[in-house]
Amino acid sequence: MIDCLYFAWVRERIGAPRERVETSAATVMELVEELRGRDPRYGAAFADLSALRVAVDQELSGFDAPLAGVREVAFFPPMTGG
């Protein structure tokens, strides 16, 4: 089981801030593909991956990051400073 956390407009499109996901995905990208297949809301949230960042166990990662032993994956838009 992996905790998936959703922030900002990702959370708004999916309709939840977090969920526990049972997955056989080996990478973040495989997890995204599984989530996209669940429901149109996920398809909308993950339609443009260039507009998303991902953190694996609170470390900024890429979509090719392995999920073995991972407890948490967070999806969020890029941060802007000001």
C-alpha atoms as a PDB file:
ATOM      1  CA  MET A   1       0.000   0.000   0.000  1.00  0.00           C
ATOM      2  CA  ILE A   2       1.181   3.479  -0.897  1.00  0.00           C
ATOM      3  CA  ASP A   3      -0.235   6.754   0.392  1.00  0.00           C
ATOM      4  CA  CYS A   4      -0.894   9.091  -2.536  1.00  0.00           C
ATOM      5  CA  LEU A   5      -1.087  12.773  -1.651  1.00  0.00           C
ATOM      6  CA  TYR A   6      -2.612  15.347  -3.990  1.00  0.00           C
ATOM      7  CA  PHE A   7      -2.056  19.104  -3.752  1.00  0.00           C
ATOM      8  CA  ALA A   8      -3.562  22.259  -5.302  1.00  0.00           C
ATOM      9  CA  TRP A   9      -5.458  21.688  -8.570  1.00  0.00           C
ATOM     10  CA  VAL A  10      -4.503  17.985  -8.585  1.00  0.00           C
ATOM     11  CA  ARG A  11      -6.511  17.566  -5.360  1.00  0.00           C
ATOM     12  CA  GLU A  12      -9.370  19.610  -6.815  1.00  0.00           C
ATOM     13  CA  ARG A  13      -9.595  17.470  -9.962  1.00  0.00           C
ATOM     14  CA  ILE A  14      -9.419  14.167  -8.090  1.00  0.00           C
ATOM     15  CA  GLY A  15     -11.670  15.362  -5.284  1.00  0.00           C
ATOM     16  CA  ALA A  16      -9.549  14.109  -2.374  1.00  0.00           C
ATOM     17  CA  PRO A  17      -6.366  15.238  -0.614  1.00  0.00           C
ATOM     18  CA  ARG A  18      -5.022  11.699  -0.124  1.00  0.00           C
ATOM     19  CA  GLU A  19      -5.772   8.023  -0.497  1.00  0.00           C
ATOM     20  CA  ARG A  20      -4.174   4.657   0.138  1.00  0.00           C
ATOM     21  CA  VAL A  21      -3.521   2.769  -3.080  1.00  0.00           C
ATOM     22  CA  GLU A  22      -2.797  -0.893  -3.490  1.00  0.00           C
ATOM     23  CA  THR A  23      -0.579  -1.143  -6.543  1.00  0.00           C
ATOM     24  CA  SER A  24       1.747  -3.476  -8.375  1.00  0.00           C
ATOM     25  CA  ALA A  25       3.422  -0.518 -10.125  1.00  0.00           C
ATOM     26  CA  ALA A  26       7.223  -0.589 -10.204  1.00  0.00           C
ATOM     27  CA  THR A  27       7.652   3.132 -10.956  1.00  0.00           C
ATOM     28  CA  VAL A  28       5.784   6.389 -10.383  1.00  0.00           C
ATOM     29  CA  MET A  29       4.842   6.421 -14.093  1.00  0.00           C
ATOM     30  CA  GLU A  30       3.257   2.963 -13.809  1.00  0.00           C
ATOM     31  CA  LEU A  31       1.320   4.202 -10.763  1.00  0.00           C
ATOM     32  CA  VAL A  32       0.107   7.211 -12.761  1.00  0.00           C
ATOM     33  CA  GLU A  33      -1.059   4.883 -15.560  1.00  0.00           C
ATOM     34  CA  GLU A  34      -2.974   2.748 -13.032  1.00  0.00           C
ATOM     35  CA  LEU A  35      -4.594   5.836 -11.522  1.00  0.00           C
ATOM     36  CA  ARG A  36      -5.527   7.228 -14.965  1.00  0.00           C
ATOM     37  CA  GLY A  37      -7.425   4.016 -15.662  1.00  0.00           C
ATOM     38  CA  ARG A  38      -9.539   4.309 -12.513  1.00  0.00           C
ATOM     39  CA  ASP A  39     -11.799   7.224 -13.333  1.00  0.00           C
ATOM     40  CA  PRO A  40     -11.987  10.280 -15.646  1.00  0.00           C
ATOM     41  CA  ARG A  41     -11.073  12.548 -12.709  1.00  0.00           C
ATOM     42  CA  TYR A  42      -7.628  10.946 -12.572  1.00  0.00           C
ATOM     43  CA  GLY A  43      -7.283  11.286 -16.319  1.00  0.00           C
ATOM     44  CA  ALA A  44      -7.922  15.017 -15.960  1.00  0.00           C
ATOM     45  CA  ALA A  45      -5.493  15.353 -13.061  1.00  0.00           C
ATOM     46  CA  PHE A  46      -2.706  13.478 -14.870  1.00  0.00           C
ATOM     47  CA  ALA A  47      -3.406  14.701 -18.424  1.00  0.00           C
ATOM     48  CA  ASP A  48      -0.287  16.896 -18.662  1.00  0.00           C
ATOM     49  CA  LEU A  49       2.600  15.434 -16.683  1.00  0.00           C
ATOM     50  CA  SER A  50       4.858  18.338 -17.668  1.00  0.00           C
ATOM     51  CA  ALA A  51       2.652  20.459 -15.371  1.00  0.00           C
ATOM     52  CA  LEU A  52       3.250  18.134 -12.405  1.00  0.00           C
ATOM     53  CA  ARG A  53       6.008  17.429  -9.938  1.00  0.00           C
ATOM     54  CA  VAL A  54       6.302  14.312  -7.818  1.00  0.00           C
ATOM     55  CA  ALA A  55       7.895  13.557  -4.454  1.00  0.00           C
ATOM     56  CA  VAL A  56       8.622  10.019  -3.275  1.00  0.00           C
ATOM     57  CA  ASP A  57       8.845   9.681   0.518  1.00  0.00           C
ATOM     58  CA  GLN A  58       9.188  13.490   0.670  1.00  0.00           C
ATOM     59  CA  GLU A  59      12.107  13.631  -1.795  1.00  0.00           C
ATOM     60  CA  LEU A  60      11.626  15.427  -5.108  1.00  0.00           C
ATOM     61  CA  SER A  61      11.778  12.692  -7.756  1.00  0.00           C
ATOM     62  CA  GLY A  62      11.025  11.930 -11.365  1.00  0.00           C
ATOM     63  CA  PHE A  63       8.267   9.839 -12.869  1.00  0.00           C
ATOM     64  CA  ASP A  64      10.837   7.088 -13.475  1.00  0.00           C
ATOM     65  CA  ALA A  65      11.496   6.739  -9.716  1.00  0.00           C
ATOM     66  CA  PRO A  66      11.146   3.172  -8.397  1.00  0.00           C
ATOM     67  CA  LEU A  67       8.397   2.421  -5.882  1.00  0.00           C
ATOM     68  CA  ALA A  68       9.991  -0.560  -4.096  1.00  0.00           C
ATOM     69  CA  GLY A  69       9.733   0.111  -0.355  1.00  0.00           C
ATOM     70  CA  VAL A  70       8.064   3.499  -0.870  1.00  0.00           C
ATOM     71  CA  ARG A  71       5.385   4.588   1.605  1.00  0.00           C
ATOM     72  CA  GLU A  72       4.260   7.914   0.110  1.00  0.00           C
ATOM     73  CA  VAL A  73       3.985   9.556  -3.303  1.00  0.00           C
ATOM     74  CA  ALA A  74       2.898  13.201  -3.580  1.00  0.00           C
ATOM     75  CA  PHE A  75       1.727  14.955  -6.750  1.00  0.00           C
ATOM     76  CA  PHE A  76       1.707  18.758  -7.019  1.00  0.00           C
ATOM     77  CA  PRO A  77       2.126  21.599  -9.521  1.00  0.00           C
ATOM     78  CA  PRO A  78       5.493  23.384  -9.714  1.00  0.00           C
ATOM     79  CA  MET A  79       6.071  25.891  -6.935  1.00  0.00           C
ATOM     80  CA  THR A  80       6.641  29.523  -7.738  1.00  0.00           C
ATOM     81  CA  GLY A  81       8.558  31.930  -5.555  1.00  0.00           C
ATOM     82  CA  GLY A  82       7.718  35.474  -4.797  1.00  0.00           C
END
